[in-house]
């Protein structure tokens, strides 16, 4: 029987082992897994994905979004959004109301409980964001945002073909 020796590869060594595109691809996956693990432990009442949905509601100040709009914003399936909404509705953090112009659509509204929920965690969220971005300039953040946005645009173009 042959045993494989496992070693831990440090992030700074990855680009010496493989092409930068492959290294970044892997780093993005590993980072998202770690971020979700930390996020799931961050809130007592909800998961990281549920928090992301609640955060995305803030992107719709004029009109409450539909599940389809939210799935596009979050980059996940409508079915996944519906599962998240069912859980958040049961917890009293959002409510769904039928659209006045199209009875097939339901719009997602934050509840008063959600607003209080945000107040409960505000300082902890600020502290986490400070830790997450420590030593990273606003210009660096904008550059990473631009690169990942471009990658997302490439994926969306591929999906349409």
C-alpha atoms as a PDB file:
ATOM      1  CA  UNK A   1       0.000   0.000   0.000  1.00  0.00           C
ATOM      2  CA  UNK A   2       1.320   3.405  -0.950  1.00  0.00           C
ATOM      3  CA  UNK A   3       0.873   6.373   1.355  1.00  0.00           C
ATOM      4  CA  UNK A   4       0.705   9.904   0.074  1.00  0.00           C
ATOM      5  CA  UNK A   5       2.531  12.504   2.108  1.00  0.00           C
ATOM      6  CA  UNK A   6       0.279  15.505   2.646  1.00  0.00           C
ATOM      7  CA  UNK A   7       1.640  18.933   3.166  1.00  0.00           C
ATOM      8  CA  UNK A   8       0.037  22.259   3.700  1.00  0.00           C
ATOM      9  CA  UNK A   9       0.616  24.668   0.842  1.00  0.00           C
ATOM     10  CA  UNK A  10       0.744  28.319   1.812  1.00  0.00           C
ATOM     11  CA  UNK A  11      -1.116  30.845  -0.337  1.00  0.00           C
ATOM     12  CA  UNK A  12       2.121  32.608  -1.238  1.00  0.00           C
ATOM     13  CA  UNK A  13       3.520  29.318  -2.661  1.00  0.00           C
ATOM     14  CA  UNK A  14       0.532  28.487  -4.866  1.00  0.00           C
ATOM     15  CA  UNK A  15       1.574  30.717  -7.763  1.00  0.00           C
ATOM     16  CA  UNK A  16       4.990  29.008  -7.833  1.00  0.00           C
ATOM     17  CA  UNK A  17       3.301  25.615  -8.178  1.00  0.00           C
ATOM     18  CA  UNK A  18       0.649  26.362 -10.800  1.00  0.00           C
ATOM     19  CA  UNK A  19      -0.375  29.008 -13.344  1.00  0.00           C
ATOM     20  CA  UNK A  20      -1.788  32.162 -11.703  1.00  0.00           C
ATOM     21  CA  UNK A  21      -5.249  31.646 -13.233  1.00  0.00           C
ATOM     22  CA  UNK A  22      -5.548  28.186 -11.632  1.00  0.00           C
ATOM     23  CA  UNK A  23      -4.138  29.455  -8.335  1.00  0.00           C
ATOM     24  CA  UNK A  24      -6.637  32.315  -8.169  1.00  0.00           C
ATOM     25  CA  UNK A  25      -9.479  29.967  -9.128  1.00  0.00           C
ATOM     26  CA  UNK A  26      -8.608  27.671  -6.212  1.00  0.00           C
ATOM     27  CA  UNK A  27      -8.022  30.548  -3.815  1.00  0.00           C
ATOM     28  CA  UNK A  28     -11.474  31.960  -4.577  1.00  0.00           C
ATOM     29  CA  UNK A  29     -13.102  28.613  -3.705  1.00  0.00           C
ATOM     30  CA  UNK A  30     -11.047  28.150  -0.529  1.00  0.00           C
ATOM     31  CA  UNK A  31     -11.753  31.738   0.539  1.00  0.00           C
ATOM     32  CA  UNK A  32     -15.500  31.369  -0.028  1.00  0.00           C
ATOM     33  CA  UNK A  33     -15.544  28.167   2.041  1.00  0.00           C
ATOM     34  CA  UNK A  34     -13.687  29.869   4.893  1.00  0.00           C
ATOM     35  CA  UNK A  35     -15.854  32.985   4.642  1.00  0.00           C
ATOM     36  CA  UNK A  36     -19.033  30.913   4.779  1.00  0.00           C
ATOM     37  CA  UNK A  37     -17.748  28.978   7.803  1.00  0.00           C
ATOM     38  CA  UNK A  38     -16.935  32.204   9.652  1.00  0.00           C
ATOM     39  CA  UNK A  39     -20.233  33.749   8.527  1.00  0.00           C
ATOM     40  CA  UNK A  40     -22.278  30.780   9.699  1.00  0.00           C
ATOM     41  CA  UNK A  41     -20.692  31.111  13.162  1.00  0.00           C
ATOM     42  CA  UNK A  42     -21.101  34.905  13.185  1.00  0.00           C
ATOM     43  CA  UNK A  43     -24.870  35.055  13.634  1.00  0.00           C
ATOM     44  CA  UNK A  44     -26.782  32.968  16.136  1.00  0.00           C
ATOM     45  CA  UNK A  45     -30.091  33.041  14.265  1.00  0.00           C
ATOM     46  CA  UNK A  46     -29.199  32.826  10.566  1.00  0.00           C
ATOM     47  CA  UNK A  47     -26.690  31.392   8.106  1.00  0.00           C
ATOM     48  CA  UNK A  48     -24.197  33.362   6.054  1.00  0.00           C
ATOM     49  CA  UNK A  49     -26.288  32.877   2.889  1.00  0.00           C
ATOM     50  CA  UNK A  50     -29.387  34.129   4.675  1.00  0.00           C
ATOM     51  CA  UNK A  51     -27.413  37.171   5.809  1.00  0.00           C
ATOM     52  CA  UNK A  52     -26.266  37.763   2.224  1.00  0.00           C
ATOM     53  CA  UNK A  53     -29.880  37.799   1.050  1.00  0.00           C
ATOM     54  CA  UNK A  54     -30.786  40.301   3.784  1.00  0.00           C
ATOM     55  CA  UNK A  55     -27.800  42.473   2.826  1.00  0.00           C
ATOM     56  CA  UNK A  56     -28.838  42.357  -0.849  1.00  0.00           C
ATOM     57  CA  UNK A  57     -32.258  43.760   0.088  1.00  0.00           C
ATOM     58  CA  UNK A  58     -30.447  47.057   0.741  1.00  0.00           C
ATOM     59  CA  UNK A  59     -29.607  47.238  -2.963  1.00  0.00           C
ATOM     60  CA  UNK A  60     -33.302  47.809  -3.723  1.00  0.00           C
ATOM     61  CA  UNK A  61     -34.233  51.081  -1.988  1.00  0.00           C
ATOM     62  CA  UNK A  62     -37.033  52.071  -4.383  1.00  0.00           C
ATOM     63  CA  UNK A  63     -38.942  48.853  -5.019  1.00  0.00           C
ATOM     64  CA  UNK A  64     -38.771  45.570  -3.148  1.00  0.00           C
ATOM     65  CA  UNK A  65     -37.220  42.811  -5.284  1.00  0.00           C
ATOM     66  CA  UNK A  66     -38.806  39.602  -6.502  1.00  0.00           C
ATOM     67  CA  UNK A  67     -37.231  36.169  -6.001  1.00  0.00           C
ATOM     68  CA  UNK A  68     -36.036  36.261  -9.625  1.00  0.00           C
ATOM     69  CA  UNK A  69     -34.387  39.646  -9.155  1.00  0.00           C
ATOM     70  CA  UNK A  70     -32.801  38.489  -5.912  1.00  0.00           C
ATOM     71  CA  UNK A  71     -31.453  35.315  -7.534  1.00  0.00           C
ATOM     72  CA  UNK A  72     -29.792  37.427 -10.234  1.00  0.00           C
ATOM     73  CA  UNK A  73     -28.289  39.769  -7.632  1.00  0.00           C
ATOM     74  CA  UNK A  74     -27.025  36.918  -5.455  1.00  0.00           C
ATOM     75  CA  UNK A  75     -25.785  34.799  -8.352  1.00  0.00           C
ATOM     76  CA  UNK A  76     -27.740  31.711  -7.344  1.00  0.00           C
ATOM     77  CA  UNK A  77     -30.835  29.864  -8.481  1.00  0.00           C
ATOM     78  CA  UNK A  78     -34.386  31.053  -7.886  1.00  0.00           C
ATOM     79  CA  UNK A  79     -35.015  27.769  -6.046  1.00  0.00           C
ATOM     80  CA  UNK A  80     -32.132  28.512  -3.675  1.00  0.00           C
ATOM     81  CA  UNK A  81     -33.516  31.998  -3.015  1.00  0.00           C
ATOM     82  CA  UNK A  82     -36.972  30.538  -2.326  1.00  0.00           C
ATOM     83  CA  UNK A  83     -35.487  28.164   0.274  1.00  0.00           C
ATOM     84  CA  UNK A  84     -33.675  31.053   1.949  1.00  0.00           C
ATOM     85  CA  UNK A  85     -36.846  33.160   1.872  1.00  0.00           C
ATOM     86  CA  UNK A  86     -38.933  30.372   3.429  1.00  0.00           C
ATOM     87  CA  UNK A  87     -36.500  30.183   6.342  1.00  0.00           C
ATOM     88  CA  UNK A  88     -36.250  33.961   6.743  1.00  0.00           C
ATOM     89  CA  UNK A  89     -40.031  34.299   6.591  1.00  0.00           C
ATOM     90  CA  UNK A  90     -40.434  31.692   9.353  1.00  0.00           C
ATOM     91  CA  UNK A  91     -37.926  33.649  11.441  1.00  0.00           C
ATOM     92  CA  UNK A  92     -39.936  36.831  10.868  1.00  0.00           C
ATOM     93  CA  UNK A  93     -37.088  38.709   9.172  1.00  0.00           C
ATOM     94  CA  UNK A  94     -38.792  39.191   5.787  1.00  0.00           C
ATOM     95  CA  UNK A  95     -42.305  39.137   4.477  1.00  0.00           C
ATOM     96  CA  UNK A  96     -43.541  38.330   0.975  1.00  0.00           C
ATOM     97  CA  UNK A  97     -46.313  40.409  -0.560  1.00  0.00           C
ATOM     98  CA  UNK A  98     -48.024  39.890  -3.877  1.00  0.00           C
ATOM     99  CA  UNK A  99     -47.024  42.386  -6.558  1.00  0.00           C
ATOM    100  CA  UNK A 100     -49.827  44.849  -7.276  1.00  0.00           C
ATOM    101  CA  UNK A 101     -49.361  44.729 -11.064  1.00  0.00           C
ATOM    102  CA  UNK A 102     -48.490  41.029 -11.544  1.00  0.00           C
ATOM    103  CA  UNK A 103     -50.185  38.546  -9.242  1.00  0.00           C
ATOM    104  CA  UNK A 104     -47.663  35.821 -10.117  1.00  0.00           C
ATOM    105  CA  UNK A 105     -44.832  37.793  -8.488  1.00  0.00           C
ATOM    106  CA  UNK A 106     -44.130  38.222  -4.806  1.00  0.00           C
ATOM    107  CA  UNK A 107     -41.948  41.047  -3.535  1.00  0.00           C
ATOM    108  CA  UNK A 108     -39.553  40.678  -0.591  1.00  0.00           C
ATOM    109  CA  UNK A 109     -39.859  43.195   2.239  1.00  0.00           C
ATOM    110  CA  UNK A 110     -37.739  43.536   5.376  1.00  0.00           C
ATOM    111  CA  UNK A 111     -39.649  43.433   8.650  1.00  0.00           C
ATOM    112  CA  UNK A 112     -39.194  45.541  11.751  1.00  0.00           C
ATOM    113  CA  UNK A 113     -37.561  42.479  13.322  1.00  0.00           C
ATOM    114  CA  UNK A 114     -34.927  42.521  10.559  1.00  0.00           C
ATOM    115  CA  UNK A 115     -34.158  46.174  11.246  1.00  0.00           C
ATOM    116  CA  UNK A 116     -33.708  45.370  14.945  1.00  0.00           C
ATOM    117  CA  UNK A 117     -31.615  42.344  13.980  1.00  0.00           C
ATOM    118  CA  UNK A 118     -29.277  44.601  12.027  1.00  0.00           C
ATOM    119  CA  UNK A 119     -28.968  46.944  14.997  1.00  0.00           C
ATOM    120  CA  UNK A 120     -28.067  43.984  17.233  1.00  0.00           C
ATOM    121  CA  UNK A 121     -25.072  43.001  15.092  1.00  0.00           C
ATOM    122  CA  UNK A 122     -23.957  46.381  13.678  1.00  0.00           C
ATOM    123  CA  UNK A 123     -20.838  46.809  15.862  1.00  0.00           C
ATOM    124  CA  UNK A 124     -19.805  43.190  15.385  1.00  0.00           C
ATOM    125  CA  UNK A 125     -20.203  43.568  11.586  1.00  0.00           C
ATOM    126  CA  UNK A 126     -18.072  46.726  11.562  1.00  0.00           C
ATOM    127  CA  UNK A 127     -15.387  44.983  13.616  1.00  0.00           C
ATOM    128  CA  UNK A 128     -15.410  42.011  11.235  1.00  0.00           C
ATOM    129  CA  UNK A 129     -15.128  44.216   8.133  1.00  0.00           C
ATOM    130  CA  UNK A 130     -12.252  46.101   9.780  1.00  0.00           C
ATOM    131  CA  UNK A 131     -10.476  42.797  10.449  1.00  0.00           C
ATOM    132  CA  UNK A 132     -11.218  41.413   6.975  1.00  0.00           C
ATOM    133  CA  UNK A 133      -9.817  44.441   5.138  1.00  0.00           C
ATOM    134  CA  UNK A 134      -6.930  45.214   7.522  1.00  0.00           C
ATOM    135  CA  UNK A 135      -3.887  46.394   5.584  1.00  0.00           C
ATOM    136  CA  UNK A 136      -5.793  46.625   2.292  1.00  0.00           C
ATOM    137  CA  UNK A 137      -6.277  50.051   0.710  1.00  0.00           C
ATOM    138  CA  UNK A 138      -9.501  51.281  -0.874  1.00  0.00           C
ATOM    139  CA  UNK A 139      -7.689  51.319  -4.232  1.00  0.00           C
ATOM    140  CA  UNK A 140      -6.730  47.645  -3.827  1.00  0.00           C
ATOM    141  CA  UNK A 141     -10.315  46.778  -2.930  1.00  0.00           C
ATOM    142  CA  UNK A 142     -11.591  48.639  -6.005  1.00  0.00           C
ATOM    143  CA  UNK A 143      -9.081  46.777  -8.205  1.00  0.00           C
ATOM    144  CA  UNK A 144     -10.125  43.362  -6.855  1.00  0.00           C
ATOM    145  CA  UNK A 145     -13.777  44.346  -7.250  1.00  0.00           C
ATOM    146  CA  UNK A 146     -13.097  45.336 -10.871  1.00  0.00           C
ATOM    147  CA  UNK A 147     -11.287  42.058 -11.610  1.00  0.00           C
ATOM    148  CA  UNK A 148     -13.943  39.834 -10.034  1.00  0.00           C
ATOM    149  CA  UNK A 149     -16.693  41.844 -11.750  1.00  0.00           C
ATOM    150  CA  UNK A 150     -14.955  41.211 -15.073  1.00  0.00           C
ATOM    151  CA  UNK A 151     -14.691  37.492 -14.289  1.00  0.00           C
ATOM    152  CA  UNK A 152     -18.407  37.472 -13.473  1.00  0.00           C
ATOM    153  CA  UNK A 153     -19.170  39.263 -16.753  1.00  0.00           C
ATOM    154  CA  UNK A 154     -17.166  36.583 -18.609  1.00  0.00           C
ATOM    155  CA  UNK A 155     -19.160  33.828 -16.896  1.00  0.00           C
ATOM    156  CA  UNK A 156     -22.461  35.506 -17.726  1.00  0.00           C
ATOM    157  CA  UNK A 157     -21.408  35.847 -21.389  1.00  0.00           C
ATOM    158  CA  UNK A 158     -20.523  32.130 -21.499  1.00  0.00           C
ATOM    159  CA  UNK A 159     -23.876  31.234 -19.933  1.00  0.00           C
ATOM    160  CA  UNK A 160     -25.766  33.123 -22.676  1.00  0.00           C
ATOM    161  CA  UNK A 161     -23.987  31.294 -25.513  1.00  0.00           C
END
